[in-house]
Protein backbone atom coordinates (compact mmCIF):
# COMPACT_ATOMS: atom_id res chain seq x y z
CA MET A 1 -21.66 -6.00 -4.46
CA ILE A 2 -18.18 -6.33 -5.90
CA ASP A 3 -16.90 -4.11 -8.71
CA ILE A 4 -13.80 -5.07 -10.66
CA TYR A 5 -12.19 -2.21 -12.60
CA TYR A 6 -9.61 -3.02 -15.26
CA PHE A 7 -7.88 -1.59 -18.32
CA GLY A 8 -7.98 -3.34 -21.68
CA LYS A 9 -10.41 -5.81 -23.17
CA ILE A 10 -11.02 -9.46 -22.46
CA LYS A 11 -10.09 -10.86 -25.87
CA ASN A 12 -9.52 -14.52 -25.01
CA LYS A 13 -12.87 -16.25 -25.46
CA ASN A 14 -11.97 -19.18 -23.20
CA ILE A 15 -10.93 -16.91 -20.35
CA ASN A 16 -14.08 -14.84 -20.87
CA LYS A 17 -16.22 -18.00 -20.61
CA LEU A 18 -14.54 -18.95 -17.34
CA ILE A 19 -15.00 -15.44 -15.94
CA LYS A 20 -18.71 -15.59 -16.78
CA TYR A 21 -18.92 -19.09 -15.29
CA TYR A 22 -17.53 -18.01 -11.89
CA LYS A 23 -19.59 -14.82 -11.90
CA LYS A 24 -22.72 -16.90 -12.47
CA LEU A 25 -21.80 -19.34 -9.69
CA SER A 26 -21.35 -16.40 -7.30
CA SER A 27 -24.49 -14.57 -8.39
CA ARG A 28 -26.79 -16.33 -5.91
CA ASN A 29 -25.11 -14.50 -3.02
CA LEU A 30 -22.79 -11.88 -4.50
CA LYS A 31 -23.17 -9.59 -7.47
CA ILE A 32 -19.93 -9.04 -9.39
CA LYS A 33 -19.70 -6.26 -11.97
CA LEU A 34 -16.80 -5.96 -14.39
CA LYS A 35 -16.09 -2.34 -15.29
CA ASN A 36 -13.71 -1.52 -18.10
CA LEU A 37 -11.52 1.55 -17.70
CA LYS A 38 -10.87 2.79 -21.22
CA GLU A 39 -7.26 3.37 -22.08
CA GLU A 40 -6.18 6.90 -22.96
CA LYS A 41 -5.56 7.56 -26.65
CA GLU A 42 -2.36 9.41 -25.84
CA SER A 43 0.73 8.60 -27.95
CA ASN A 44 3.16 9.83 -25.29
CA LEU A 45 3.49 6.89 -22.88
CA LYS A 46 4.44 9.08 -19.91
CA LYS A 47 1.39 11.33 -20.39
CA LYS A 48 -0.86 8.33 -21.01
CA LYS A 49 0.26 6.66 -17.80
CA LYS A 50 -0.16 9.86 -15.80
CA LYS A 51 -3.71 10.44 -17.11
CA GLU A 52 -4.79 6.86 -16.47
CA LEU A 53 -3.33 6.81 -12.95
CA LYS A 54 -5.07 10.11 -12.18
CA ARG A 55 -8.41 8.63 -13.33
CA VAL A 56 -7.94 5.63 -11.03
CA GLN A 57 -6.98 7.89 -8.12
CA ASN A 58 -10.07 10.04 -8.69
CA LYS A 59 -12.28 6.96 -8.96
CA ILE A 60 -10.94 5.59 -5.66
CA LYS A 61 -11.40 8.99 -4.00
CA LYS A 62 -15.05 9.34 -5.14
CA ASP A 63 -15.92 5.69 -4.57
CA LYS A 64 -17.52 4.93 -1.20
CA ASN A 65 -16.59 1.26 -1.58
CA TYR A 66 -13.71 -0.45 0.16
CA SER A 67 -10.98 -0.18 -2.48
CA ILE A 68 -8.46 -2.93 -3.15
CA ILE A 69 -5.69 -2.58 -5.71
CA LEU A 70 -4.21 -5.77 -7.10
CA ASP A 71 -0.45 -5.43 -7.36
CA TYR A 72 2.50 -7.80 -7.02
CA ARG A 73 3.83 -5.59 -4.19
CA GLY A 74 0.66 -6.08 -2.14
CA ARG A 75 -0.10 -8.39 0.77
CA ILE A 76 -0.34 -12.08 0.04
CA ILE A 77 -3.11 -13.66 2.08
CA THR A 78 -4.80 -17.04 2.23
CA THR A 79 -8.16 -17.73 0.67
CA GLU A 80 -9.64 -17.99 4.17
CA LYS A 81 -8.36 -14.51 5.10
CA PHE A 82 -9.63 -13.18 1.78
CA SER A 83 -13.01 -14.69 2.55
CA ASP A 84 -12.97 -13.12 6.03
CA LYS A 85 -12.15 -9.71 4.52
CA ILE A 86 -15.02 -9.92 2.02
CA ASN A 87 -17.45 -11.21 4.64
CA ASN A 88 -16.45 -8.52 7.15
CA LYS A 89 -16.91 -5.69 4.66
CA LEU A 90 -20.22 -7.00 3.32
CA LYS A 91 -21.60 -7.62 6.85
CA HIS A 92 -20.93 -3.97 7.63
CA GLY A 93 -22.70 -2.79 4.49
CA ARG A 94 -19.58 -1.96 2.49
CA HIS A 95 -19.23 -2.88 -1.13
CA LEU A 96 -15.79 -3.71 -2.54
CA SER A 97 -14.01 -2.28 -5.56
CA PHE A 98 -11.00 -4.07 -7.00
CA TYR A 99 -8.60 -2.29 -9.36
CA ILE A 100 -6.42 -4.16 -11.86
CA GLY A 101 -3.79 -2.11 -13.64
CA ASN A 102 -2.60 -2.30 -17.19
CA TYR A 103 0.87 -3.36 -18.33
CA TYR A 104 2.72 -0.62 -16.41
CA GLY A 105 0.79 -1.17 -13.19
CA PHE A 106 0.27 1.40 -10.46
CA ASP A 107 2.66 3.92 -8.95
CA GLU A 108 3.25 4.32 -5.20
CA ASN A 109 0.98 7.37 -5.02
CA THR A 110 -1.97 5.39 -6.42
CA LEU A 111 -1.28 2.43 -4.12
CA LYS A 112 -1.51 4.79 -1.12
CA LYS A 113 -5.04 5.85 -2.13
CA ALA A 114 -6.43 2.33 -1.76
CA ASP A 115 -7.75 0.82 1.46
CA MET A 116 -5.72 -2.32 0.73
CA VAL A 117 -3.10 -3.50 -1.75
CA LEU A 118 -3.43 -7.21 -2.44
CA SER A 119 -1.21 -9.56 -4.40
CA LEU A 120 -2.51 -12.64 -6.17
CA SER A 121 1.11 -13.74 -6.54
CA ARG A 122 4.60 -12.27 -6.74
CA MET A 123 4.37 -13.11 -10.44
CA THR A 124 2.84 -10.72 -12.94
CA PHE A 125 -0.32 -11.72 -14.85
CA ASN A 126 -2.05 -10.05 -17.77
CA HIS A 127 -5.34 -8.36 -16.90
CA GLU A 128 -7.43 -11.22 -18.34
CA LEU A 129 -5.81 -13.83 -16.10
CA ALA A 130 -5.88 -11.48 -13.10
CA ILE A 131 -9.63 -10.98 -13.55
CA LEU A 132 -10.17 -14.73 -13.88
CA LEU A 133 -8.09 -15.50 -10.77
CA LEU A 134 -9.88 -12.80 -8.79
CA VAL A 135 -13.39 -13.91 -9.83
CA GLU A 136 -12.52 -17.52 -9.00
CA GLN A 137 -11.24 -16.48 -5.57
CA VAL A 138 -14.38 -14.42 -4.95
CA TYR A 139 -16.44 -17.50 -5.79
CA ARG A 140 -14.28 -19.61 -3.47
CA ALA A 141 -14.73 -17.00 -0.71
CA ASN A 142 -18.46 -17.04 -1.43
CA SER A 143 -18.42 -20.82 -0.92
CA ILE A 144 -16.68 -20.41 2.43
CA ILE A 145 -19.00 -17.61 3.62
CA PHE A 146 -22.25 -19.30 2.59
CA GLY A 147 -21.29 -22.91 3.27
CA GLY A 148 -20.79 -24.29 -0.21
CA ASN A 149 -18.68 -27.32 -1.07
CA TYR A 150 -16.36 -25.70 -3.61
CA HIS A 151 -13.58 -24.76 -1.21
CA LYS A 152 -13.23 -28.22 0.30
């Protein structure tokens, strides 16, 4: 089981179709759940950010899953290493939770709460593209783990 937590909505219909496509391709072996973290309705940006970061920190703390925050400051790894990480955690009965931040990202304190901080790139992507890239990479990892042809 893989949970993907994110702020915001997936508004782009084409991106949403691709996300659903890769989720469906993975569903034979892996269940992927997208979980929206509602944005705070706070007008003060500093307070809003603090409340949202606290919610993510609490979620990571309560979650028994292996937590991975996506952030440009994280480790950059190959698809094969990503596949190994997923396979290793799933073989040992651990589920994975990925966290994608909103436009101001995560602070250092929140990054420290995660089991791993992973970077998809040193570039910054909006949450819709980050979800799509992550779901595609999970499908590619799935193909490697279970012997599919997609990765080749």
